[in-house]
Protein backbone atom coordinates (compact mmCIF):
# COMPACT_ATOMS: atom_id res chain seq x y z
CA MET A 1 135.91 97.72 106.27
CA ALA A 2 137.11 100.49 103.96
CA ALA A 3 137.79 103.95 105.36
CA GLY A 4 135.50 105.50 102.76
CA GLY A 5 132.75 104.47 100.41
CA ASN A 6 133.64 101.95 97.74
CA TRP A 7 131.26 101.00 94.92
CA LYS A 8 132.80 97.55 94.32
CA GLU A 9 132.54 96.63 97.99
CA MET A 10 128.93 97.77 98.09
CA PHE A 11 128.18 95.83 94.93
CA HIS A 12 129.59 92.58 96.34
CA ALA A 13 127.87 93.22 99.68
CA SER A 14 124.56 93.53 97.78
CA GLU A 15 125.25 90.23 96.03
CA ASN A 16 126.25 88.48 99.25
CA GLY A 17 123.46 89.78 101.45
CA ASP A 18 125.58 91.92 103.78
CA LEU A 19 123.00 94.51 104.79
CA GLU A 20 125.19 96.44 107.21
CA LEU A 21 128.05 96.81 104.72
CA VAL A 22 125.63 98.10 102.06
CA ARG A 23 124.24 100.55 104.61
CA TYR A 24 127.75 101.73 105.45
CA HIS A 25 128.70 102.45 101.86
CA LEU A 26 125.42 104.25 101.19
CA ARG A 27 126.15 106.44 104.20
CA MET A 28 129.56 107.15 102.70
CA GLY A 29 127.80 108.53 99.62
CA VAL A 30 128.21 105.68 97.12
CA ASP A 31 125.79 106.06 94.19
CA PRO A 32 123.53 102.96 94.07
CA ASN A 33 122.73 103.61 90.39
CA HIS A 34 126.31 103.62 89.11
CA GLN A 35 127.08 100.77 86.71
CA HIS A 36 130.80 100.14 86.74
CA GLN A 37 132.32 99.37 83.35
CA GLU A 38 133.81 96.19 84.79
CA TYR A 39 130.39 94.82 85.83
CA MET A 40 127.84 96.63 83.64
CA THR A 41 125.18 96.11 86.26
CA CYS A 42 124.21 97.67 89.58
CA PRO A 43 123.60 96.62 93.20
CA LEU A 44 119.81 96.79 92.87
CA LEU A 45 119.69 94.40 89.91
CA GLU A 46 121.93 91.87 91.63
CA SER A 47 120.25 92.05 95.04
CA VAL A 48 116.92 91.33 93.33
CA ARG A 49 118.54 88.46 91.43
CA LYS A 50 119.90 86.98 94.67
CA GLY A 51 116.66 87.53 96.56
CA HIS A 52 118.13 89.83 99.24
CA LEU A 53 114.96 91.86 99.72
CA GLU A 54 116.05 93.76 102.80
CA ILE A 55 118.94 95.11 100.72
CA VAL A 56 116.60 95.81 97.80
CA GLU A 57 114.42 97.93 100.07
CA LEU A 58 117.41 99.71 101.59
CA LEU A 59 118.76 100.59 98.13
CA LEU A 60 115.35 101.85 96.99
CA GLN A 61 115.04 103.97 100.12
CA ASN A 62 118.40 105.51 99.29
CA GLY A 63 117.70 106.56 95.73
CA ALA A 64 118.18 103.39 93.67
CA LYS A 65 116.04 103.66 90.54
CA PRO A 66 113.39 100.90 90.54
CA ASN A 67 113.23 100.94 86.72
CA ILE A 68 116.98 101.03 86.01
CA ILE A 69 118.10 99.06 82.94
CA LYS A 70 121.22 96.93 82.93
CA ASP A 71 124.04 98.44 80.88
CA PHE A 72 124.19 96.93 77.38
CA GLY A 73 121.13 94.84 78.16
CA THR A 74 117.39 94.88 78.72
CA GLU A 75 117.05 93.56 82.27
CA THR A 76 115.31 95.64 84.91
CA PRO A 77 114.74 94.85 88.59
CA MET A 78 111.14 93.96 87.77
CA SER A 79 112.04 91.67 84.84
CA ILE A 80 114.44 89.80 87.10
CA ALA A 81 111.84 89.49 89.88
CA ILE A 82 109.31 88.12 87.37
CA GLU A 83 111.83 85.67 85.93
CA LYS A 84 112.65 84.43 89.43
CA GLY A 85 108.97 84.24 90.38
CA ASN A 86 109.75 86.34 93.45
CA LYS A 87 106.37 87.85 94.32
CA ALA A 88 107.67 89.60 97.41
CA ALA A 89 110.18 91.46 95.22
CA ILE A 90 107.45 92.29 92.69
CA TYR A 91 105.22 93.78 95.39
CA LEU A 92 108.15 95.73 96.83
CA LEU A 93 109.20 97.17 93.48
CA ASN A 94 105.60 98.08 92.70
CA THR A 95 105.56 100.42 95.69
CA TYR A 96 108.45 102.41 94.19
CA LEU A 97 107.58 102.27 90.49
CA PRO A 98 105.31 104.82 88.78
CA GLU A 99 101.80 103.51 88.19
CA GLU A 100 102.29 102.86 84.47
CA LEU A 101 105.24 100.53 85.13
CA ARG A 102 103.71 98.45 87.92
CA GLN A 103 102.82 94.78 87.52
CA HIS A 104 99.20 94.15 88.53
CA GLN A 105 98.67 90.56 87.42
CA TYR A 106 100.15 89.18 90.64
CA GLY A 107 97.24 89.97 92.93
CA THR A 108 97.53 91.93 96.14
CA GLN A 109 100.02 91.95 98.96
CA ASN A 110 98.22 91.55 102.27
CA LYS A 111 99.31 91.71 105.89
CA ILE A 112 98.23 88.49 107.53
CA LEU A 113 98.11 87.59 111.23
CA ILE A 114 98.31 83.86 112.01
CA THR A 115 97.74 82.60 115.54
CA GLY A 116 99.96 79.68 116.46
CA GLY A 117 102.12 80.25 113.40
CA ASN A 118 105.26 78.69 114.84
CA ARG A 119 104.41 75.03 114.28
CA GLY A 120 102.19 72.55 112.45
CA ILE A 121 99.63 73.91 110.01
CA GLY A 122 100.17 77.50 111.15
CA LYS A 123 103.87 77.40 110.29
CA ALA A 124 103.12 75.78 106.93
CA VAL A 125 100.50 78.47 106.19
CA ALA A 126 103.04 81.17 107.05
CA LYS A 127 105.53 79.58 104.66
CA ASN A 128 102.94 79.36 101.85
CA LEU A 129 101.94 82.98 102.24
CA LEU A 130 105.52 84.24 102.39
CA ILE A 131 106.28 82.40 99.15
CA GLU A 132 103.27 84.20 97.68
CA GLY A 133 104.90 87.50 98.62
CA GLN A 134 102.59 88.31 101.52
CA LYS A 135 103.49 90.02 104.79
CA VAL A 136 103.02 87.74 107.80
CA ILE A 137 102.84 88.10 111.57
CA ILE A 138 102.70 85.00 113.75
CA THR A 139 101.59 84.89 117.35
CA VAL A 140 103.66 82.70 119.65
CA ARG A 141 103.71 81.89 123.34
CA ASN A 142 107.46 81.31 123.48
CA GLU A 143 109.33 84.26 122.01
CA ALA A 144 112.68 82.47 121.66
CA GLU A 145 111.08 79.58 119.79
CA GLY A 146 109.19 82.07 117.63
CA ASN A 147 112.35 83.97 116.71
CA THR A 148 113.94 80.73 115.53
CA VAL A 149 110.96 80.01 113.30
CA VAL A 150 110.93 83.57 111.92
CA GLU A 151 114.59 83.33 110.89
CA GLU A 152 114.04 79.88 109.40
CA LEU A 153 111.10 81.06 107.29
CA LYS A 154 112.97 84.15 106.12
CA THR A 155 115.73 81.88 104.87
CA THR A 156 113.58 79.17 103.29
CA THR A 157 111.19 81.57 101.52
CA GLY A 158 113.51 84.47 100.69
CA ASN A 159 110.83 86.80 102.02
CA PRO A 160 111.89 88.92 105.02
CA ASN A 161 108.35 90.20 105.64
CA ILE A 162 107.63 88.08 108.70
CA SER A 163 107.59 89.08 112.34
CA LEU A 164 106.17 87.74 115.56
CA ILE A 165 104.11 89.00 118.42
CA GLN A 166 104.29 87.23 121.76
CA GLY A 167 100.96 86.44 123.33
CA ASP A 168 98.87 83.84 125.09
CA LEU A 169 95.38 82.66 124.18
CA SER A 170 94.80 80.58 127.31
CA ASN A 171 92.77 83.11 129.34
CA THR A 172 90.65 86.17 128.77
CA GLN A 173 93.07 88.76 130.15
CA SER A 174 96.02 87.50 128.12
CA CYS A 175 93.80 87.62 125.02
CA LYS A 176 92.89 91.19 125.86
CA LYS A 177 96.59 92.12 126.11
CA LEU A 178 97.38 90.39 122.84
CA ILE A 179 94.58 92.20 121.02
CA GLN A 180 95.86 95.54 122.32
CA LYS A 181 99.42 94.72 121.17
CA ILE A 182 98.19 93.83 117.70
CA LYS A 183 96.16 97.03 117.43
CA GLU A 184 99.15 99.10 118.49
CA ASP A 185 101.87 97.37 116.45
CA HIS A 186 100.02 95.98 113.44
CA SER A 187 97.05 98.25 112.81
CA ASP A 188 97.38 97.61 109.05
CA ILE A 189 96.48 93.89 109.06
CA ASN A 190 93.73 92.87 106.64
CA ARG A 191 93.77 89.11 107.19
CA LEU A 192 93.27 87.12 110.40
CA ILE A 193 93.81 83.36 110.45
CA ASN A 194 92.62 81.84 113.72
CA ASN A 195 94.75 78.72 113.56
CA ALA A 196 95.82 78.05 117.16
CA GLY A 197 94.02 75.13 118.75
CA ILE A 198 94.45 72.49 121.44
CA TRP A 199 93.20 68.98 122.10
CA MET A 200 93.26 68.26 125.81
CA ALA A 201 93.80 64.74 127.14
CA GLU A 202 92.60 65.73 130.60
CA LYS A 203 90.32 68.39 131.95
CA GLN A 204 92.18 71.56 132.88
CA LEU A 205 90.70 74.89 133.95
CA ASN A 206 92.34 78.24 133.28
CA GLU A 207 92.52 81.31 135.54
CA ASP A 208 88.97 82.22 134.52
CA GLY A 209 87.60 78.86 135.64
CA LEU A 210 87.02 77.87 132.01
CA GLU A 211 88.00 74.58 130.40
CA LYS A 212 91.15 75.27 128.40
CA SER A 213 90.08 73.94 125.02
CA PHE A 214 86.83 75.94 125.26
CA MET A 215 89.01 78.98 125.82
CA VAL A 216 91.59 78.40 123.06
CA ASN A 217 89.41 76.76 120.40
CA TYR A 218 86.38 79.00 120.75
CA LEU A 219 86.61 81.96 123.10
CA ALA A 220 90.02 83.21 121.94
CA PRO A 221 88.97 83.37 118.25
CA TYR A 222 85.73 85.03 119.36
CA LEU A 223 87.69 87.71 121.24
CA LEU A 224 90.20 88.23 118.44
CA CYS A 225 87.45 88.64 115.85
CA GLN A 226 85.52 91.08 117.99
CA GLY A 227 88.58 93.01 119.12
CA LEU A 228 90.30 93.27 115.75
CA PHE A 229 87.21 93.83 113.62
CA PRO A 230 87.53 97.65 113.69
CA ILE A 231 91.01 97.60 112.14
CA LEU A 232 90.06 94.84 109.69
CA LYS A 233 87.12 96.96 108.57
CA GLN A 234 89.36 100.01 108.28
CA ASN A 235 91.71 98.00 106.01
CA LYS A 236 88.99 96.37 103.89
CA PRO A 237 88.61 94.26 101.91
CA SER A 238 89.62 91.95 104.75
CA ARG A 239 89.14 88.29 105.60
CA ILE A 240 88.99 86.08 108.67
CA VAL A 241 89.72 82.36 108.36
CA ASN A 242 88.84 80.06 111.25
CA VAL A 243 90.79 76.81 111.02
CA ASN A 244 88.30 74.26 112.30
CA ALA A 245 87.87 70.48 112.10
CA GLY A 246 85.47 68.10 110.42
CA LEU A 247 85.02 66.54 113.87
CA TYR A 248 82.80 69.49 114.82
CA VAL A 249 79.86 67.45 113.49
CA LYS A 250 80.24 65.13 116.52
CA GLY A 251 79.83 68.02 118.94
CA LYS A 252 76.93 68.02 121.40
CA LEU A 253 77.11 71.31 123.23
CA ASP A 254 75.76 71.58 126.77
CA ILE A 255 75.68 75.31 127.35
CA GLU A 256 75.94 75.01 131.15
CA LYS A 257 78.58 72.29 131.23
CA THR A 258 80.91 72.58 128.23
CA PRO A 259 82.49 75.97 129.13
CA TYR A 260 83.56 74.58 132.48
CA GLY A 261 84.50 71.08 131.41
CA LEU A 262 81.67 69.53 133.41
CA ASP A 263 81.00 67.21 130.47
CA PHE A 264 84.67 66.69 129.66
CA GLY A 265 85.80 63.90 127.37
CA SER A 266 88.96 64.18 125.30
CA ILE A 267 87.32 63.66 121.90
CA LYS A 268 83.91 64.99 122.91
CA THR A 269 85.28 68.26 124.28
CA TYR A 270 87.44 68.86 121.23
CA ALA A 271 84.39 68.34 119.00
CA ASN A 272 82.20 70.51 121.26
CA THR A 273 84.60 73.44 121.17
CA LYS A 274 84.99 73.23 117.41
CA LEU A 275 81.18 73.19 117.19
CA CYS A 276 81.12 76.43 119.21
CA ASN A 277 83.65 77.93 116.81
CA VAL A 278 81.50 77.06 113.80
CA MET A 279 78.36 78.51 115.40
CA PHE A 280 80.24 81.71 116.13
CA THR A 281 81.46 81.85 112.53
CA ILE A 282 77.86 81.84 111.29
CA ASP A 283 76.70 84.52 113.73
CA PHE A 284 79.69 86.78 113.14
CA ALA A 285 79.27 86.46 109.37
CA LYS A 286 75.71 87.75 109.72
CA LYS A 287 76.85 90.58 111.97
CA ILE A 288 79.56 91.84 109.58
CA GLU A 289 77.72 91.29 106.28
CA GLY A 290 78.37 94.22 103.96
CA SER A 291 81.22 95.61 106.07
CA GLY A 292 84.01 94.70 103.68
CA VAL A 293 85.16 91.93 106.05
CA THR A 294 84.31 88.26 105.56
CA ILE A 295 84.68 85.22 107.79
CA ASN A 296 84.73 81.54 106.86
CA ALA A 297 85.67 78.28 108.60
CA VAL A 298 87.73 75.49 107.09
CA HIS A 299 88.50 71.85 107.76
CA PRO A 300 92.05 71.56 106.36
CA GLY A 301 92.01 67.77 106.06
CA VAL A 302 93.05 64.97 108.40
CA ILE A 303 96.52 66.23 109.19
CA ASN A 304 99.36 64.71 111.17
CA THR A 305 100.42 67.53 113.48
CA GLY A 306 101.33 67.58 117.16
CA LEU A 307 97.69 68.22 118.04
CA GLY A 308 96.41 65.51 120.35
CA ASP A 309 99.78 63.78 120.64
CA SER A 310 99.46 63.16 124.37
CA PRO A 311 100.17 59.51 125.29
CA LYS A 312 96.85 59.54 127.10
CA LEU A 313 95.05 60.28 123.83
CA LEU A 314 97.00 58.04 121.47
CA SER A 315 96.49 54.33 121.46
CA LYS A 316 98.99 52.16 119.60
CA ILE A 317 96.46 51.77 116.78
CA VAL A 318 95.96 55.54 116.46
CA LYS A 319 99.74 56.04 116.42
CA VAL A 320 99.96 53.71 113.45
CA ILE A 321 97.00 55.34 111.69
CA LYS A 322 98.49 58.82 112.14
CA ARG A 323 101.40 57.81 109.93
CA PHE A 324 98.98 57.78 107.01
CA TRP A 325 97.46 61.18 107.77
CA LYS A 326 98.50 64.05 105.53
CA SER A 327 101.30 66.52 106.19
CA PRO A 328 101.00 70.02 107.68
CA GLU A 329 101.99 71.32 104.23
CA TYR A 330 98.88 69.68 102.79
CA GLY A 331 96.80 71.06 105.65
CA ALA A 332 98.06 74.56 104.92
CA GLU A 333 96.73 74.62 101.36
CA ALA A 334 93.08 75.38 102.09
CA PRO A 335 93.61 78.05 104.79
CA SER A 336 96.23 79.77 102.61
CA TRP A 337 93.83 79.69 99.64
CA LEU A 338 90.98 81.13 101.69
CA ALA A 339 93.22 83.93 102.91
CA ILE A 340 94.34 85.29 99.54
CA SER A 341 92.60 83.65 96.56
CA GLU A 342 90.48 85.90 94.37
CA GLU A 343 88.12 82.93 93.89
CA VAL A 344 86.65 83.43 97.36
CA GLU A 345 86.50 87.23 97.38
CA GLY A 346 83.26 88.26 99.09
CA VAL A 347 82.32 84.74 100.25
CA ASN A 348 81.05 84.97 103.82
CA GLY A 349 79.83 82.59 106.51
CA LYS A 350 80.68 79.30 104.79
CA PHE A 351 82.31 76.08 105.97
CA TYR A 352 84.93 74.64 103.65
CA ASN A 353 85.97 71.02 103.61
CA GLU A 354 89.43 71.77 102.24
CA LYS A 355 88.53 73.84 99.15
CA SER A 356 84.90 72.77 98.75
CA ILE A 357 81.93 74.33 100.52
CA MET A 358 80.22 71.84 102.82
CA ASP A 359 76.69 72.26 104.13
CA TYR A 360 76.33 72.93 107.83
CA ILE A 361 74.75 70.24 109.97
CA ASP A 362 71.29 70.95 111.38
CA VAL A 363 72.42 71.71 114.92
CA VAL A 364 74.63 74.56 113.68
CA VAL A 365 71.83 76.35 111.89
CA ASN A 366 69.67 76.10 115.01
CA GLU A 367 69.32 79.80 115.87
CA GLU A 368 68.05 79.05 119.37
CA LEU A 369 71.18 77.10 120.30
CA ARG A 370 73.45 79.71 118.75
CA ALA A 371 71.63 82.41 120.73
CA LYS A 372 72.20 80.43 123.94
CA LEU A 373 75.92 80.15 123.18
CA LEU A 374 76.18 83.86 122.44
CA GLY A 375 74.28 84.72 125.61
CA LYS A 376 76.50 82.48 127.73
CA THR A 377 79.61 83.94 126.12
CA LYS A 378 78.52 87.48 126.94
CA VAL A 379 77.80 86.51 130.54
CA ILE A 380 81.27 84.96 130.90
CA LEU A 381 83.03 87.93 129.37
CA THR A 382 81.02 90.56 131.21
CA LYS A 383 82.15 88.99 134.48
CA LYS A 384 85.73 89.28 133.23
CA GLY A 385 85.46 92.99 132.56
CA TYR A 386 84.68 93.06 128.85
CA VAL A 387 82.21 95.87 128.27
CA LYS A 388 82.05 95.83 124.46
CA LEU A 389 81.34 92.44 122.91
């Protein structure tokens, strides 16, 4: 490392993605806007060209001109970002450019929380949204595994705007802690994608005495929606997307048995808990109508993920059939679309079969059954110390 600041070294560091070396030379007083006669360009232009957005932001924070023009040329940071199709760079430059120079045809940059974003559909959704220039937070149970995924997605998408928050959706108290962490660390989210889900091969109860898939597939999204609604409303327009399953139509909820697994069956329980999730989606949509926040559920397609891959669930025939199911990347298309597309702005309380609205089955629009589920949910949570539901 040089003893003092050196423009050429900083320039090459900007090209090569060496954030710390760029930071060092800026500290040494190197002018980020100088265009050396040998290069006739500047670090900001080349870091945008190479997609090193952390360096782009650092340069902008240290006085780099967002509208600088390449010497003896016409290129600007924004023209390069547009040519490269780098939406994350476009959104970043927009925050530093004067209003009259901003690009508005690229939609809005949102901050999106995805539960279970470290694998399967959730990971593919995170990748889609990062490519679209969005900011993403994923919740993970295993922090080390999550960090690996975060670094992978930064590399594959060129968008550094992804972070993780460690949390567990398997019981009411861990959900409560996760909600509090999100409110403290990410109070600016305006999208919530409830993606995490499980398909149990055997009945298992959690610390609350609740069947685990009832907890993760229904009660956790319920708690997240209720707990995070105030900040979503504050950051409106906001959206909630509940990743569901077409199998919900096979659900036959027994309000006194299903929460505790007293009617457990591997396929039946999965369908029952997804049915609960859909009923909640309808009720919550009614509750928040006109608030600036919307909620919709989506069946992403028949997707080959790790869900339900227990040997006790998979027969040899099903293993063969799963080879023909669609990829997580395909399954990510509809949830990603619902999260950011202008086409669905203001749509509330619907169920999407991929990207098409599908009518609810009769049992879901049965207000009496939905009221029973809501009442049971409040009883369960009141016993666990939740005072505001």
